[in-house]
Protein backbone atom coordinates (compact mmCIF):
# COMPACT_ATOMS: atom_id res chain seq x y z
CA UNK A 1 53.39 95.14 101.63
CA UNK A 2 51.62 95.28 98.24
CA UNK A 3 52.70 98.89 97.75
CA UNK A 4 56.31 98.25 98.81
CA UNK A 5 58.97 97.76 96.18
CA UNK A 6 62.67 97.13 96.81
CA UNK A 7 65.32 97.92 94.21
CA UNK A 8 69.08 97.54 94.27
CA UNK A 9 71.89 99.61 92.91
CA UNK A 10 75.00 97.83 91.67
CA UNK A 11 77.03 98.14 94.88
CA UNK A 12 75.54 95.22 96.84
CA UNK A 13 72.80 93.34 94.93
CA UNK A 14 73.48 90.18 96.95
CA UNK A 15 72.38 91.86 100.18
CA UNK A 16 69.29 93.33 98.46
CA UNK A 17 68.32 89.87 97.20
CA UNK A 18 68.71 88.41 100.68
CA UNK A 19 66.51 91.17 102.15
CA UNK A 20 63.79 90.37 99.62
CA UNK A 21 64.07 86.65 100.38
CA UNK A 22 63.50 87.39 104.07
CA UNK A 23 60.41 89.43 103.18
CA UNK A 24 59.24 86.79 100.67
CA UNK A 25 58.95 89.34 97.88
CA UNK A 26 60.73 89.74 94.54
CA UNK A 27 63.53 92.22 94.03
CA UNK A 28 62.32 95.07 91.84
CA UNK A 29 63.46 95.21 88.23
CA UNK A 30 65.61 98.20 87.27
CA UNK A 31 67.97 98.59 84.33
CA UNK A 32 71.21 100.41 85.19
CA UNK A 33 73.76 101.02 82.47
CA UNK A 34 76.87 103.10 81.76
CA UNK A 35 77.12 104.95 78.50
CA UNK A 36 80.44 105.19 76.67
CA UNK A 37 80.89 108.69 78.08
CA UNK A 38 80.64 107.27 81.60
CA UNK A 39 77.17 108.69 82.26
CA UNK A 40 74.79 106.51 84.26
CA UNK A 41 71.35 105.65 82.90
CA UNK A 42 68.54 104.21 85.05
CA UNK A 43 65.16 102.86 83.94
CA UNK A 44 62.70 101.19 86.30
CA UNK A 45 61.20 98.18 84.54
CA UNK A 46 57.96 98.22 86.53
CA UNK A 47 55.54 100.81 87.83
CA UNK A 48 56.39 102.54 91.11
CA UNK A 49 53.48 105.02 91.09
CA UNK A 50 52.13 105.56 94.62
CA UNK A 51 54.55 102.92 95.98
CA UNK A 52 56.90 103.04 98.94
CA UNK A 53 60.21 102.51 97.17
CA UNK A 54 63.28 101.20 99.02
CA UNK A 55 66.64 101.55 97.27
CA UNK A 56 69.53 99.43 98.61
CA UNK A 57 72.92 100.98 97.87
CA UNK A 58 76.16 100.93 99.88
CA UNK A 59 78.32 104.00 99.32
CA UNK A 60 81.51 101.98 99.16
CA UNK A 61 84.33 101.96 96.60
CA UNK A 62 84.02 103.44 94.02
CA UNK A 63 82.05 105.79 96.26
CA UNK A 64 81.54 108.61 93.77
CA UNK A 65 80.28 106.20 91.12
CA UNK A 66 77.80 104.58 93.49
CA UNK A 67 76.71 107.94 94.89
CA UNK A 68 75.81 109.34 91.46
CA UNK A 69 74.08 106.07 90.60
CA UNK A 70 71.98 106.42 93.77
CA UNK A 71 71.10 110.04 92.94
CA UNK A 72 69.93 109.05 89.46
CA UNK A 73 67.85 106.21 90.92
CA UNK A 74 66.21 108.61 93.38
CA UNK A 75 65.41 111.10 90.64
CA UNK A 76 63.98 108.41 88.37
CA UNK A 77 61.73 107.12 91.18
CA UNK A 78 60.56 110.63 92.03
CA UNK A 79 59.70 111.39 88.40
CA UNK A 80 57.84 108.06 88.20
CA UNK A 81 55.53 109.28 91.02
CA UNK A 82 56.80 107.06 93.84
CA UNK A 83 54.96 107.84 97.09
CA UNK A 84 58.09 107.67 99.26
CA UNK A 85 61.76 107.02 98.44
CA UNK A 86 63.54 105.26 101.29
CA UNK A 87 67.29 104.76 101.12
CA UNK A 88 68.81 101.63 102.62
CA UNK A 89 72.45 102.63 102.97
CA UNK A 90 74.23 99.73 104.70
CA UNK A 91 77.42 101.81 104.55
CA UNK A 92 77.31 105.62 104.50
CA UNK A 93 80.25 106.92 102.50
CA UNK A 94 82.14 110.09 103.47
CA UNK A 95 81.14 109.46 107.11
CA UNK A 96 84.72 110.00 108.29
CA UNK A 97 84.54 113.59 107.08
CA UNK A 98 81.93 114.54 109.68
CA UNK A 99 83.77 117.54 111.17
CA UNK A 100 86.49 120.03 110.37
CA UNK A 101 89.84 118.93 111.77
CA UNK A 102 91.74 121.78 110.11
CA UNK A 103 90.92 125.16 108.55
CA UNK A 104 89.42 125.31 105.05
CA UNK A 105 88.19 121.70 105.09
CA UNK A 106 84.69 120.56 104.08
CA UNK A 107 82.20 118.62 106.21
CA UNK A 108 81.50 116.14 103.44
CA UNK A 109 79.17 113.91 105.47
CA UNK A 110 76.80 116.89 105.79
CA UNK A 111 77.14 117.64 102.08
CA UNK A 112 76.07 114.09 101.17
CA UNK A 113 73.08 114.35 103.53
CA UNK A 114 72.02 117.63 101.91
CA UNK A 115 72.34 116.22 98.39
CA UNK A 116 70.35 113.05 99.16
CA UNK A 117 67.57 115.08 100.77
CA UNK A 118 67.44 117.68 98.01
CA UNK A 119 67.23 115.06 95.26
CA UNK A 120 64.16 113.52 96.88
CA UNK A 121 64.95 110.95 99.59
CA UNK A 122 62.17 110.55 102.18
CA UNK A 123 64.02 108.44 104.74
CA UNK A 124 67.42 106.84 105.39
CA UNK A 125 68.13 103.46 106.98
CA UNK A 126 71.80 102.93 107.76
CA UNK A 127 74.09 100.86 109.99
CA UNK A 128 76.78 101.93 112.46
CA UNK A 129 77.64 105.42 111.29
CA UNK A 130 81.20 106.51 111.96
CA UNK A 131 79.76 109.26 114.19
CA UNK A 132 76.25 109.25 115.68
CA UNK A 133 75.98 113.01 115.11
CA UNK A 134 75.66 112.42 111.35
CA UNK A 135 71.98 111.62 111.98
CA UNK A 136 71.53 115.31 112.76
CA UNK A 137 72.82 116.29 109.32
CA UNK A 138 69.54 115.13 107.78
CA UNK A 139 66.19 116.95 107.69
CA UNK A 140 64.44 113.62 107.07
CA UNK A 141 64.05 110.58 109.40
CA UNK A 142 67.17 108.46 109.90
CA UNK A 143 66.99 104.93 111.31
CA UNK A 144 70.45 104.18 112.67
CA UNK A 145 70.79 100.42 113.22
CA UNK A 146 73.71 98.52 114.72
CA UNK A 147 75.53 95.26 113.94
CA UNK A 148 76.74 94.94 117.52
CA UNK A 149 74.02 92.41 118.41
CA UNK A 150 75.18 90.03 115.70
CA UNK A 151 78.82 90.44 116.72
CA UNK A 152 78.00 89.78 120.38
CA UNK A 153 76.00 86.65 119.53
CA UNK A 154 78.84 85.31 117.41
CA UNK A 155 81.52 86.00 120.00
CA UNK A 156 79.46 84.37 122.75
CA UNK A 157 79.14 81.25 120.58
CA UNK A 158 82.95 81.03 120.33
CA UNK A 159 83.49 80.78 124.12
CA UNK A 160 86.78 82.66 123.77
CA UNK A 161 89.12 81.90 126.69
CA UNK A 162 90.41 84.83 128.76
CA UNK A 163 89.12 87.58 126.43
CA UNK A 164 89.87 91.31 126.58
CA UNK A 165 88.03 93.82 124.38
CA UNK A 166 90.41 96.31 122.78
CA UNK A 167 89.49 99.71 121.39
CA UNK A 168 92.02 100.67 118.69
CA UNK A 169 91.61 104.34 119.62
CA UNK A 170 89.86 106.56 122.15
CA UNK A 171 87.01 107.20 119.73
CA UNK A 172 85.80 103.58 119.96
CA UNK A 173 86.18 103.35 123.74
CA UNK A 174 82.44 103.62 124.42
CA UNK A 175 81.65 100.76 122.03
CA UNK A 176 84.51 98.68 123.45
CA UNK A 177 83.25 99.21 127.00
CA UNK A 178 79.72 98.26 125.95
CA UNK A 179 80.97 95.08 124.25
CA UNK A 180 83.13 94.20 127.27
CA UNK A 181 80.12 94.57 129.57
CA UNK A 182 78.02 92.21 127.45
CA UNK A 183 80.85 89.67 127.26
CA UNK A 184 81.65 90.18 130.97
CA UNK A 185 85.36 90.77 130.36
CA UNK A 186 87.88 93.63 130.77
CA UNK A 187 88.76 96.10 128.05
CA UNK A 188 91.83 98.04 126.96
CA UNK A 189 92.44 101.14 124.86
CA UNK A 190 95.17 101.80 122.31
CA UNK A 191 96.55 105.34 122.09
CA UNK A 192 97.74 106.31 118.62
CA UNK A 193 98.48 109.33 116.51
CA UNK A 194 97.83 109.85 112.80
CA UNK A 195 100.65 111.55 110.89
CA UNK A 196 98.51 111.43 107.71
CA UNK A 197 95.26 109.97 106.34
CA UNK A 198 95.18 106.14 106.47
CA UNK A 199 98.38 106.15 108.59
CA UNK A 200 98.64 105.52 112.32
CA UNK A 201 101.25 104.88 115.00
CA UNK A 202 100.55 103.04 118.26
CA UNK A 203 102.06 104.95 121.18
CA UNK A 204 100.53 103.38 124.34
CA UNK A 205 98.29 100.53 125.51
CA UNK A 206 96.07 101.28 128.51
CA UNK A 207 94.97 98.04 130.18
CA UNK A 208 96.28 94.54 130.79
CA UNK A 209 96.57 92.27 127.72
CA UNK A 210 99.38 89.84 128.54
CA UNK A 211 98.24 86.23 128.27
CA UNK A 212 94.79 87.29 127.08
CA UNK A 213 92.87 86.94 123.79
CA UNK A 214 92.15 90.39 122.33
CA UNK A 215 88.82 91.20 120.68
CA UNK A 216 89.36 94.35 118.63
CA UNK A 217 86.19 96.29 117.83
CA UNK A 218 85.96 98.86 115.02
CA UNK A 219 83.19 100.44 112.98
CA UNK A 220 85.10 99.98 109.72
CA UNK A 221 88.35 98.63 108.31
CA UNK A 222 89.81 100.51 105.35
CA UNK A 223 93.40 99.72 104.37
CA UNK A 224 93.94 97.27 107.25
CA UNK A 225 97.23 98.90 108.26
CA UNK A 226 95.93 100.22 111.59
CA UNK A 227 94.45 96.86 112.58
CA UNK A 228 97.66 95.01 111.71
CA UNK A 229 99.70 97.55 113.71
CA UNK A 230 97.35 97.11 116.69
CA UNK A 231 97.64 93.31 116.54
CA UNK A 232 101.44 93.48 116.34
CA UNK A 233 101.57 95.85 119.31
CA UNK A 234 99.30 93.54 121.33
CA UNK A 235 101.46 90.54 120.44
CA UNK A 236 104.57 92.37 121.67
CA UNK A 237 102.76 92.90 124.99
CA UNK A 238 102.23 89.16 125.34
CA UNK A 239 98.68 88.84 124.01
CA UNK A 240 97.43 85.88 121.97
CA UNK A 241 96.17 86.07 118.38
CA UNK A 242 93.33 88.56 118.09
CA UNK A 243 89.74 88.46 116.93
CA UNK A 244 89.08 91.54 114.79
CA UNK A 245 85.43 92.68 114.63
CA UNK A 246 84.01 95.46 112.47
CA UNK A 247 80.70 96.34 110.86
CA UNK A 248 82.06 97.64 107.55
CA UNK A 249 84.87 96.12 105.55
CA UNK A 250 86.01 98.69 103.00
CA UNK A 251 89.22 96.69 102.41
CA UNK A 252 90.91 99.22 100.12
CA UNK A 253 93.91 98.09 98.10
CA UNK A 254 95.43 94.86 99.41
CA UNK A 255 93.73 95.05 102.81
CA UNK A 256 92.38 91.48 102.63
CA UNK A 257 95.91 90.17 102.10
CA UNK A 258 97.23 92.32 104.95
CA UNK A 259 94.61 90.98 107.33
CA UNK A 260 95.74 87.42 106.61
CA UNK A 261 98.26 88.01 109.38
CA UNK A 262 99.56 85.37 111.81
CA UNK A 263 98.62 87.74 114.66
CA UNK A 264 94.92 87.66 113.65
CA UNK A 265 92.79 84.61 114.40
CA UNK A 266 89.56 85.75 112.73
CA UNK A 267 88.12 88.83 111.06
CA UNK A 268 84.42 89.09 111.90
CA UNK A 269 82.69 91.41 109.45
CA UNK A 270 79.17 92.11 108.24
CA UNK A 271 77.97 92.05 104.64
CA UNK A 272 77.19 95.78 104.39
CA UNK A 273 79.89 95.90 101.69
CA UNK A 274 80.25 93.05 99.22
CA UNK A 275 83.63 91.37 98.66
CA UNK A 276 85.05 88.15 97.34
CA UNK A 277 87.39 86.72 99.96
CA UNK A 278 89.04 84.03 97.89
CA UNK A 279 90.14 80.82 99.56
CA UNK A 280 91.00 82.27 102.95
CA UNK A 281 88.90 81.02 105.89
CA UNK A 282 89.97 83.84 108.20
CA UNK A 283 86.91 85.98 107.40
CA UNK A 284 83.55 85.38 109.06
CA UNK A 285 80.73 87.31 107.35
CA UNK A 286 77.57 88.05 109.34
CA UNK A 287 74.41 88.85 107.38
CA UNK A 288 72.58 92.13 107.99
CA UNK A 289 69.65 91.05 105.79
CA UNK A 290 67.37 89.93 108.69
CA UNK A 291 67.84 93.24 110.53
CA UNK A 292 67.27 95.37 107.43
CA UNK A 293 64.26 93.28 106.36
CA UNK A 294 62.68 93.76 109.80
CA UNK A 295 63.30 97.51 109.62
CA UNK A 296 61.67 97.73 106.19
CA UNK A 297 58.68 95.72 107.38
CA UNK A 298 58.16 97.91 110.46
CA UNK A 299 58.48 101.13 108.46
CA UNK A 300 56.01 99.87 105.86
CA UNK A 301 53.41 98.28 108.12
CA UNK A 302 53.78 100.38 111.25
CA UNK A 303 55.07 99.55 114.72
CA UNK A 304 58.05 100.49 116.85
CA UNK A 305 61.50 100.32 115.33
CA UNK A 306 63.12 101.41 118.58
CA UNK A 307 64.17 97.88 119.58
CA UNK A 308 66.38 97.63 116.47
CA UNK A 309 68.51 100.60 117.56
CA UNK A 310 69.82 99.01 120.74
CA UNK A 311 71.99 96.12 121.81
CA UNK A 312 69.89 93.26 123.16
CA UNK A 313 71.08 91.60 126.35
């Protein structure tokens, strides 16, 4: 690992530090500043010549700011003669724009992939993409990891009585079924429509939830409105307070306050996106640092990374 150097953007330096602690190596020194005009300036404070550089940056809010910061970091590393530039993107922004749902719309997830590759990225490591097909948008290797193992281990430790896994929409049904199989419990699906972006209406619940404890599984939580609506609909059907599980907590606006709902028992989230949660004890944060550190070690030293892509029984 002598030729491996890990640097962090400003989006999630805590996670980057934890990754380095797991690998027993220092976090690389890089100076990132904003000029008065708003332009971003990056200067690596140590040599990266002929090194395998790993840049940790979550494309969370403010996504455009963090994206440009990442692009400047890539360019600086390339011009400093880094051997490879590997992007550790715990959260891949613009992933929900992975297809055209109406005429004259962009496929922004593909655009981001093209830009990252063109600027000089050699490889991408990411976690629970909104759509698996996004991997195909890249012309470079993509290691698509999952937080589902951590979520399963945590839920098993809780010994939840009479659980039922709930998919908040048809798009998460496969993940919900997989989680239900590992927890050996039934699952249900919510049917909803979206009148506009970040708005949803629950129309039907397929499956039995009365008298059961719902475990809602999502890839990300943005405004929190959909999750709160789902929990309220489940409560009206006679379900108990729900466990809400998701890999990415965007938590836009006042989402954290919304999720402090009496119909939600716990919100189980990973640390792909950094937040301060205040004094509430409703949020359980699972660390992705061990998984990402293992991936970096395998990529750097050789070996099979295949086991990190799958849920372990």
